[in-house]
């Protein structure tokens, strides 16, 4: 093709057709510029397509992790229902001697709690791809970042409060109560039952733990689940573009 254009230029010069040569030269320059612009356009399109694929890949991973977190939270919420009912009965002074006699779990409701590990790689993924996301002024990435930054802190603080309360109760029982061994093993113990049924101290400990774990910690997990569904909905909209 280059040889073809070169031959035309030589012919025009040889035939002393300067005007036509200048017009042809300008036309050739225009064609070259158009070719460059087309090449740049294709390059930009390919780059944008790569960036879009990267962004959608990140959002797909985040969606998958959110769905996993929702399932994990649901398992915890289901597994804690029975223990929660015991807490409420203690707080409302509804427990009886026979309840403790027939319920091993009732002997040690302050002795442990289900904890979960939510996915934590999302903020790292957003940080690794921040240049691409910022160049697109992507509002969804900001929403995701705010979601994880907020809930990670709130849930972590809440569970640390639960752990502190749990350790304080265990230390107190271990150092002061003769029934501690049976309490640990969830074995019926007359002295513990008397303490559980009559002690204001025990009821206050149950009230405290119930508030920290069931109201605050699980409350944040429920909010996380609700927010996760909203994020998934927005991610799906982005993936469909």
C-alpha atoms as a PDB file:
ATOM      1  CA  UNK A   1       0.000   0.000   0.000  1.00  0.00           C
ATOM      2  CA  UNK A   2       2.841   2.366   0.831  1.00  0.00           C
ATOM      3  CA  UNK A   3       4.540   1.555  -2.485  1.00  0.00           C
ATOM      4  CA  UNK A   4       1.238   2.300  -4.258  1.00  0.00           C
ATOM      5  CA  UNK A   5       0.957   5.804  -2.754  1.00  0.00           C
ATOM      6  CA  UNK A   6       4.646   6.451  -3.359  1.00  0.00           C
ATOM      7  CA  UNK A   7       4.238   5.590  -7.070  1.00  0.00           C
ATOM      8  CA  UNK A   8       1.341   8.039  -7.369  1.00  0.00           C
ATOM      9  CA  UNK A   9       3.471  10.802  -5.829  1.00  0.00           C
ATOM     10  CA  UNK A  10       6.346  10.098  -8.220  1.00  0.00           C
ATOM     11  CA  UNK A  11       4.019  10.141 -11.234  1.00  0.00           C
ATOM     12  CA  UNK A  12       2.548  13.490 -10.237  1.00  0.00           C
ATOM     13  CA  UNK A  13       5.966  15.028  -9.672  1.00  0.00           C
ATOM     14  CA  UNK A  14       7.334  13.627 -12.959  1.00  0.00           C
ATOM     15  CA  UNK A  15       4.351  15.079 -14.861  1.00  0.00           C
ATOM     16  CA  UNK A  16       4.846  18.462 -13.152  1.00  0.00           C
ATOM     17  CA  UNK A  17       1.368  18.449 -11.678  1.00  0.00           C
ATOM     18  CA  UNK A  18       2.252  20.382  -8.517  1.00  0.00           C
ATOM     19  CA  UNK A  19      -1.315  21.428  -7.627  1.00  0.00           C
ATOM     20  CA  UNK A  20      -2.639  17.922  -7.835  1.00  0.00           C
ATOM     21  CA  UNK A  21       0.386  16.689  -5.927  1.00  0.00           C
ATOM     22  CA  UNK A  22      -0.298  19.083  -3.049  1.00  0.00           C
ATOM     23  CA  UNK A  23      -3.950  18.042  -2.924  1.00  0.00           C
ATOM     24  CA  UNK A  24      -2.935  14.425  -2.949  1.00  0.00           C
ATOM     25  CA  UNK A  25      -0.340  14.982  -0.221  1.00  0.00           C
ATOM     26  CA  UNK A  26      -2.925  16.684   1.973  1.00  0.00           C
ATOM     27  CA  UNK A  27      -5.348  13.839   1.345  1.00  0.00           C
ATOM     28  CA  UNK A  28      -2.689  11.316   2.267  1.00  0.00           C
ATOM     29  CA  UNK A  29      -1.983  13.159   5.514  1.00  0.00           C
ATOM     30  CA  UNK A  30      -5.705  13.185   6.319  1.00  0.00           C
ATOM     31  CA  UNK A  31      -5.883   9.438   5.714  1.00  0.00           C
ATOM     32  CA  UNK A  32      -2.890   8.873   7.982  1.00  0.00           C
ATOM     33  CA  UNK A  33      -4.473  11.004  10.727  1.00  0.00           C
ATOM     34  CA  UNK A  34      -7.781   9.156  10.373  1.00  0.00           C
ATOM     35  CA  UNK A  35      -5.907   5.866  10.607  1.00  0.00           C
ATOM     36  CA  UNK A  36      -4.150   6.988  13.775  1.00  0.00           C
ATOM     37  CA  UNK A  37      -7.431   8.167  15.304  1.00  0.00           C
ATOM     38  CA  UNK A  38      -9.094   4.842  14.458  1.00  0.00           C
ATOM     39  CA  UNK A  39      -6.155   2.954  15.985  1.00  0.00           C
ATOM     40  CA  UNK A  40      -6.344   5.080  19.156  1.00  0.00           C
ATOM     41  CA  UNK A  41     -10.097   4.580  19.322  1.00  0.00           C
ATOM     42  CA  UNK A  42      -9.707   0.813  19.060  1.00  0.00           C
ATOM     43  CA  UNK A  43      -6.941   0.881  21.689  1.00  0.00           C
ATOM     44  CA  UNK A  44      -9.089   2.958  24.061  1.00  0.00           C
ATOM     45  CA  UNK A  45     -12.047   0.655  23.476  1.00  0.00           C
ATOM     46  CA  UNK A  46      -9.939  -2.400  24.264  1.00  0.00           C
ATOM     47  CA  UNK A  47      -8.553  -0.731  27.381  1.00  0.00           C
ATOM     48  CA  UNK A  48     -12.033   0.242  28.549  1.00  0.00           C
ATOM     49  CA  UNK A  49     -13.268  -3.281  27.909  1.00  0.00           C
ATOM     50  CA  UNK A  50     -10.396  -4.695  30.000  1.00  0.00           C
ATOM     51  CA  UNK A  51     -11.176  -2.254  32.802  1.00  0.00           C
ATOM     52  CA  UNK A  52     -14.878  -3.141  32.685  1.00  0.00           C
ATOM     53  CA  UNK A  53     -14.015  -6.829  32.902  1.00  0.00           C
ATOM     54  CA  UNK A  54     -11.734  -6.131  35.869  1.00  0.00           C
ATOM     55  CA  UNK A  55     -14.430  -4.131  37.667  1.00  0.00           C
ATOM     56  CA  UNK A  56     -17.086  -6.759  37.022  1.00  0.00           C
ATOM     57  CA  UNK A  57     -14.692  -9.443  38.221  1.00  0.00           C
ATOM     58  CA  UNK A  58     -14.177  -7.576  41.504  1.00  0.00           C
ATOM     59  CA  UNK A  59     -17.915  -7.075  41.955  1.00  0.00           C
ATOM     60  CA  UNK A  60     -18.606 -10.747  41.210  1.00  0.00           C
ATOM     61  CA  UNK A  61     -16.170 -11.784  43.964  1.00  0.00           C
ATOM     62  CA  UNK A  62     -17.743  -9.327  46.408  1.00  0.00           C
ATOM     63  CA  UNK A  63     -21.229 -10.605  45.553  1.00  0.00           C
ATOM     64  CA  UNK A  64     -20.109 -14.203  46.154  1.00  0.00           C
ATOM     65  CA  UNK A  65     -18.613 -13.284  49.534  1.00  0.00           C
ATOM     66  CA  UNK A  66     -21.736 -11.377  50.549  1.00  0.00           C
ATOM     67  CA  UNK A  67     -23.910 -14.395  49.752  1.00  0.00           C
ATOM     68  CA  UNK A  68     -21.576 -16.578  51.841  1.00  0.00           C
ATOM     69  CA  UNK A  69     -21.759 -14.095  54.732  1.00  0.00           C
ATOM     70  CA  UNK A  70     -25.561 -14.091  54.571  1.00  0.00           C
ATOM     71  CA  UNK A  71     -25.657 -17.902  54.822  1.00  0.00           C
ATOM     72  CA  UNK A  72     -23.209 -17.826  57.736  1.00  0.00           C
ATOM     73  CA  UNK A  73     -25.257 -15.211  59.576  1.00  0.00           C
ATOM     74  CA  UNK A  74     -28.463 -17.190  59.008  1.00  0.00           C
ATOM     75  CA  UNK A  75     -26.856 -20.273  60.572  1.00  0.00           C
ATOM     76  CA  UNK A  76     -25.860 -18.296  63.657  1.00  0.00           C
ATOM     77  CA  UNK A  77     -29.289 -16.711  64.002  1.00  0.00           C
ATOM     78  CA  UNK A  78     -30.976 -20.122  63.778  1.00  0.00           C
ATOM     79  CA  UNK A  79     -28.522 -21.791  66.174  1.00  0.00           C
ATOM     80  CA  UNK A  80     -28.999 -19.121  68.844  1.00  0.00           C
ATOM     81  CA  UNK A  81     -32.803 -19.122  68.967  1.00  0.00           C
ATOM     82  CA  UNK A  82     -33.134 -21.725  71.716  1.00  0.00           C
ATOM     83  CA  UNK A  83     -30.396 -20.218  73.885  1.00  0.00           C
ATOM     84  CA  UNK A  84     -31.957 -16.789  73.377  1.00  0.00           C
ATOM     85  CA  UNK A  85     -35.272 -18.119  74.683  1.00  0.00           C
ATOM     86  CA  UNK A  86     -33.517 -19.306  77.851  1.00  0.00           C
ATOM     87  CA  UNK A  87     -31.924 -15.895  78.361  1.00  0.00           C
ATOM     88  CA  UNK A  88     -35.321 -14.243  78.127  1.00  0.00           C
ATOM     89  CA  UNK A  89     -36.850 -16.701  80.617  1.00  0.00           C
ATOM     90  CA  UNK A  90     -34.042 -16.016  83.109  1.00  0.00           C
ATOM     91  CA  UNK A  91     -34.454 -12.267  82.673  1.00  0.00           C
ATOM     92  CA  UNK A  92     -38.235 -12.528  83.079  1.00  0.00           C
ATOM     93  CA  UNK A  93     -37.803 -14.800  86.156  1.00  0.00           C
ATOM     94  CA  UNK A  94     -39.675 -17.647  84.471  1.00  0.00           C
ATOM     95  CA  UNK A  95     -37.113 -20.434  84.962  1.00  0.00           C
ATOM     96  CA  UNK A  96     -37.904 -23.246  87.451  1.00  0.00           C
ATOM     97  CA  UNK A  97     -35.981 -25.984  89.220  1.00  0.00           C
ATOM     98  CA  UNK A  98     -37.370 -28.564  86.761  1.00  0.00           C
ATOM     99  CA  UNK A  99     -36.228 -26.444  83.805  1.00  0.00           C
ATOM    100  CA  UNK A 100     -32.628 -26.713  84.977  1.00  0.00           C
ATOM    101  CA  UNK A 101     -33.061 -30.375  85.859  1.00  0.00           C
ATOM    102  CA  UNK A 102     -34.275 -31.246  82.362  1.00  0.00           C
ATOM    103  CA  UNK A 103     -32.122 -28.880  80.314  1.00  0.00           C
ATOM    104  CA  UNK A 104     -28.353 -29.359  80.246  1.00  0.00           C
ATOM    105  CA  UNK A 105     -27.847 -26.249  78.127  1.00  0.00           C
ATOM    106  CA  UNK A 106     -29.657 -24.161  80.722  1.00  0.00           C
ATOM    107  CA  UNK A 107     -26.846 -24.931  83.137  1.00  0.00           C
ATOM    108  CA  UNK A 108     -24.318 -22.919  81.134  1.00  0.00           C
ATOM    109  CA  UNK A 109     -25.890 -20.230  78.970  1.00  0.00           C
ATOM    110  CA  UNK A 110     -23.052 -17.849  79.861  1.00  0.00           C
ATOM    111  CA  UNK A 111     -20.391 -20.415  79.035  1.00  0.00           C
ATOM    112  CA  UNK A 112     -19.998 -19.727  75.312  1.00  0.00           C
ATOM    113  CA  UNK A 113     -21.453 -18.205  72.185  1.00  0.00           C
ATOM    114  CA  UNK A 114     -21.387 -18.778  68.420  1.00  0.00           C
ATOM    115  CA  UNK A 115     -18.951 -16.440  66.711  1.00  0.00           C
ATOM    116  CA  UNK A 116     -18.490 -16.009  62.974  1.00  0.00           C
ATOM    117  CA  UNK A 117     -15.809 -14.824  60.581  1.00  0.00           C
ATOM    118  CA  UNK A 118     -17.130 -12.604  57.854  1.00  0.00           C
ATOM    119  CA  UNK A 119     -15.260 -12.216  54.576  1.00  0.00           C
ATOM    120  CA  UNK A 120     -12.621  -9.479  54.768  1.00  0.00           C
ATOM    121  CA  UNK A 121     -10.925  -9.367  51.337  1.00  0.00           C
ATOM    122  CA  UNK A 122     -13.343  -6.844  49.818  1.00  0.00           C
ATOM    123  CA  UNK A 123     -11.548  -3.707  51.030  1.00  0.00           C
ATOM    124  CA  UNK A 124      -8.263  -5.133  49.781  1.00  0.00           C
ATOM    125  CA  UNK A 125      -9.787  -5.790  46.348  1.00  0.00           C
ATOM    126  CA  UNK A 126     -11.152  -2.255  46.188  1.00  0.00           C
ATOM    127  CA  UNK A 127      -7.780  -0.841  47.198  1.00  0.00           C
ATOM    128  CA  UNK A 128      -5.911  -2.917  44.607  1.00  0.00           C
ATOM    129  CA  UNK A 129      -8.238  -1.668  41.856  1.00  0.00           C
ATOM    130  CA  UNK A 130      -8.764   1.860  43.174  1.00  0.00           C
ATOM    131  CA  UNK A 131      -7.095   3.503  40.160  1.00  0.00           C
ATOM    132  CA  UNK A 132      -9.503   1.868  37.716  1.00  0.00           C
ATOM    133  CA  UNK A 133     -12.541   2.433  39.922  1.00  0.00           C
ATOM    134  CA  UNK A 134     -11.650   6.091  40.532  1.00  0.00           C
ATOM    135  CA  UNK A 135     -11.141   6.719  36.823  1.00  0.00           C
ATOM    136  CA  UNK A 136     -14.703   5.556  36.232  1.00  0.00           C
ATOM    137  CA  UNK A 137     -16.009   7.588  39.184  1.00  0.00           C
ATOM    138  CA  UNK A 138     -17.792   4.436  40.271  1.00  0.00           C
ATOM    139  CA  UNK A 139     -20.344   5.215  43.005  1.00  0.00           C
ATOM    140  CA  UNK A 140     -20.901   1.524  43.738  1.00  0.00           C
ATOM    141  CA  UNK A 141     -17.297   1.043  44.877  1.00  0.00           C
ATOM    142  CA  UNK A 142     -17.768   3.948  47.308  1.00  0.00           C
ATOM    143  CA  UNK A 143     -20.965   2.346  48.625  1.00  0.00           C
ATOM    144  CA  UNK A 144     -19.198  -0.994  49.094  1.00  0.00           C
ATOM    145  CA  UNK A 145     -16.217   0.630  50.790  1.00  0.00           C
ATOM    146  CA  UNK A 146     -18.464   2.519  53.222  1.00  0.00           C
ATOM    147  CA  UNK A 147     -20.459  -0.639  53.937  1.00  0.00           C
ATOM    148  CA  UNK A 148     -17.440  -2.747  54.893  1.00  0.00           C
ATOM    149  CA  UNK A 149     -15.558   0.027  56.677  1.00  0.00           C
ATOM    150  CA  UNK A 150     -18.563   0.731  58.885  1.00  0.00           C
ATOM    151  CA  UNK A 151     -19.693  -2.799  59.670  1.00  0.00           C
ATOM    152  CA  UNK A 152     -16.213  -4.252  60.127  1.00  0.00           C
ATOM    153  CA  UNK A 153     -15.568  -1.762  62.910  1.00  0.00           C
ATOM    154  CA  UNK A 154     -18.989  -2.057  64.539  1.00  0.00           C
ATOM    155  CA  UNK A 155     -19.076  -5.854  64.488  1.00  0.00           C
ATOM    156  CA  UNK A 156     -15.483  -6.161  65.717  1.00  0.00           C
ATOM    157  CA  UNK A 157     -16.102  -3.769  68.616  1.00  0.00           C
ATOM    158  CA  UNK A 158     -19.338  -5.568  69.504  1.00  0.00           C
ATOM    159  CA  UNK A 159     -17.775  -9.036  69.603  1.00  0.00           C
ATOM    160  CA  UNK A 160     -14.847  -7.756  71.681  1.00  0.00           C
ATOM    161  CA  UNK A 161     -17.349  -6.469  74.226  1.00  0.00           C
ATOM    162  CA  UNK A 162     -19.001  -9.892  74.265  1.00  0.00           C
ATOM    163  CA  UNK A 163     -15.657 -11.637  74.743  1.00  0.00           C
ATOM    164  CA  UNK A 164     -14.732  -9.318  77.615  1.00  0.00           C
ATOM    165  CA  UNK A 165     -18.046  -9.969  79.352  1.00  0.00           C
ATOM    166  CA  UNK A 166     -17.734 -13.723  78.813  1.00  0.00           C
ATOM    167  CA  UNK A 167     -14.202 -13.818  80.258  1.00  0.00           C
ATOM    168  CA  UNK A 168     -15.211 -11.746  83.266  1.00  0.00           C
ATOM    169  CA  UNK A 169     -18.088 -14.128  84.081  1.00  0.00           C
ATOM    170  CA  UNK A 170     -15.936 -17.218  83.639  1.00  0.00           C
ATOM    171  CA  UNK A 171     -13.157 -15.804  85.816  1.00  0.00           C
ATOM    172  CA  UNK A 172     -15.611 -14.861  88.550  1.00  0.00           C
ATOM    173  CA  UNK A 173     -17.284 -18.285  88.555  1.00  0.00           C
ATOM    174  CA  UNK A 174     -13.937 -20.096  88.464  1.00  0.00           C
ATOM    175  CA  UNK A 175     -12.527 -18.172  91.416  1.00  0.00           C
ATOM    176  CA  UNK A 176     -15.632 -18.012  93.591  1.00  0.00           C
ATOM    177  CA  UNK A 177     -18.057 -20.849  92.881  1.00  0.00           C
ATOM    178  CA  UNK A 178     -17.745 -24.461  94.041  1.00  0.00           C
ATOM    179  CA  UNK A 179     -20.003 -25.612  91.226  1.00  0.00           C
ATOM    180  CA  UNK A 180     -17.685 -24.289  88.493  1.00  0.00           C
ATOM    181  CA  UNK A 181     -16.563 -27.733  87.288  1.00  0.00           C
ATOM    182  CA  UNK A 182     -20.145 -28.942  86.821  1.00  0.00           C
ATOM    183  CA  UNK A 183     -21.009 -25.612  85.242  1.00  0.00           C
ATOM    184  CA  UNK A 184     -18.266 -26.085  82.652  1.00  0.00           C
ATOM    185  CA  UNK A 185     -19.468 -29.592  81.858  1.00  0.00           C
ATOM    186  CA  UNK A 186     -23.145 -28.575  81.856  1.00  0.00           C
ATOM    187  CA  UNK A 187     -23.875 -31.109  84.608  1.00  0.00           C
ATOM    188  CA  UNK A 188     -26.798 -30.505  86.946  1.00  0.00           C
ATOM    189  CA  UNK A 189     -25.688 -28.986  90.244  1.00  0.00           C
ATOM    190  CA  UNK A 190     -28.039 -28.079  93.111  1.00  0.00           C
ATOM    191  CA  UNK A 191     -25.906 -25.176  94.303  1.00  0.00           C
ATOM    192  CA  UNK A 192     -25.761 -23.625  90.849  1.00  0.00           C
ATOM    193  CA  UNK A 193     -29.528 -23.955  90.408  1.00  0.00           C
ATOM    194  CA  UNK A 194     -30.105 -22.213  93.737  1.00  0.00           C
ATOM    195  CA  UNK A 195     -27.758 -19.431  92.619  1.00  0.00           C
ATOM    196  CA  UNK A 196     -29.437 -19.137  89.195  1.00  0.00           C
ATOM    197  CA  UNK A 197     -32.948 -19.012  90.655  1.00  0.00           C
ATOM    198  CA  UNK A 198     -32.329 -16.604  93.543  1.00  0.00           C
ATOM    199  CA  UNK A 199     -29.231 -14.510  92.802  1.00  0.00           C
ATOM    200  CA  UNK A 200     -29.621 -10.967  91.559  1.00  0.00           C
ATOM    201  CA  UNK A 201     -25.951 -11.162  90.558  1.00  0.00           C
ATOM    202  CA  UNK A 202     -26.640 -14.038  88.140  1.00  0.00           C
ATOM    203  CA  UNK A 203     -29.670 -12.351  86.609  1.00  0.00           C
ATOM    204  CA  UNK A 204     -27.681  -9.137  86.106  1.00  0.00           C
ATOM    205  CA  UNK A 205     -24.909 -11.086  84.371  1.00  0.00           C
ATOM    206  CA  UNK A 206     -27.471 -12.695  82.076  1.00  0.00           C
ATOM    207  CA  UNK A 207     -29.029  -9.303  81.333  1.00  0.00           C
ATOM    208  CA  UNK A 208     -25.608  -7.862  80.497  1.00  0.00           C
ATOM    209  CA  UNK A 209     -24.567 -10.723  78.227  1.00  0.00           C
ATOM    210  CA  UNK A 210     -27.966 -10.822  76.539  1.00  0.00           C
ATOM    211  CA  UNK A 211     -27.694  -7.141  75.707  1.00  0.00           C
ATOM    212  CA  UNK A 212     -24.138  -7.368  74.391  1.00  0.00           C
ATOM    213  CA  UNK A 213     -24.566 -10.539  72.353  1.00  0.00           C
ATOM    214  CA  UNK A 214     -28.207 -10.890  71.328  1.00  0.00           C
ATOM    215  CA  UNK A 215     -29.192  -7.248  71.096  1.00  0.00           C
ATOM    216  CA  UNK A 216     -25.998  -5.524  69.932  1.00  0.00           C
ATOM    217  CA  UNK A 217     -23.782  -8.126  68.233  1.00  0.00           C
ATOM    218  CA  UNK A 218     -26.538 -10.107  66.547  1.00  0.00           C
ATOM    219  CA  UNK A 219     -28.299  -6.816  65.850  1.00  0.00           C
ATOM    220  CA  UNK A 220     -25.306  -5.675  63.805  1.00  0.00           C
ATOM    221  CA  UNK A 221     -25.245  -9.019  61.992  1.00  0.00           C
ATOM    222  CA  UNK A 222     -28.902  -8.560  61.034  1.00  0.00           C
ATOM    223  CA  UNK A 223     -28.152  -5.054  59.766  1.00  0.00           C
ATOM    224  CA  UNK A 224     -25.160  -6.438  57.856  1.00  0.00           C
ATOM    225  CA  UNK A 225     -27.389  -9.036  56.235  1.00  0.00           C
ATOM    226  CA  UNK A 226     -29.966  -6.417  55.248  1.00  0.00           C
ATOM    227  CA  UNK A 227     -27.261  -4.147  53.823  1.00  0.00           C
ATOM    228  CA  UNK A 228     -25.678  -7.077  51.989  1.00  0.00           C
ATOM    229  CA  UNK A 229     -28.913  -7.785  50.136  1.00  0.00           C
ATOM    230  CA  UNK A 230     -29.089  -4.158  49.005  1.00  0.00           C
ATOM    231  CA  UNK A 231     -25.468  -4.268  47.835  1.00  0.00           C
ATOM    232  CA  UNK A 232     -26.071  -7.476  45.907  1.00  0.00           C
ATOM    233  CA  UNK A 233     -29.024  -5.842  44.173  1.00  0.00           C
ATOM    234  CA  UNK A 234     -26.850  -2.874  43.122  1.00  0.00           C
ATOM    235  CA  UNK A 235     -24.009  -5.173  42.050  1.00  0.00           C
ATOM    236  CA  UNK A 236     -26.398  -7.166  39.874  1.00  0.00           C
ATOM    237  CA  UNK A 237     -27.463  -3.953  38.152  1.00  0.00           C
ATOM    238  CA  UNK A 238     -23.820  -3.104  37.463  1.00  0.00           C
ATOM    239  CA  UNK A 239     -23.039  -6.597  36.162  1.00  0.00           C
ATOM    240  CA  UNK A 240     -25.965  -6.446  33.764  1.00  0.00           C
ATOM    241  CA  UNK A 241     -24.623  -3.323  32.009  1.00  0.00           C
END
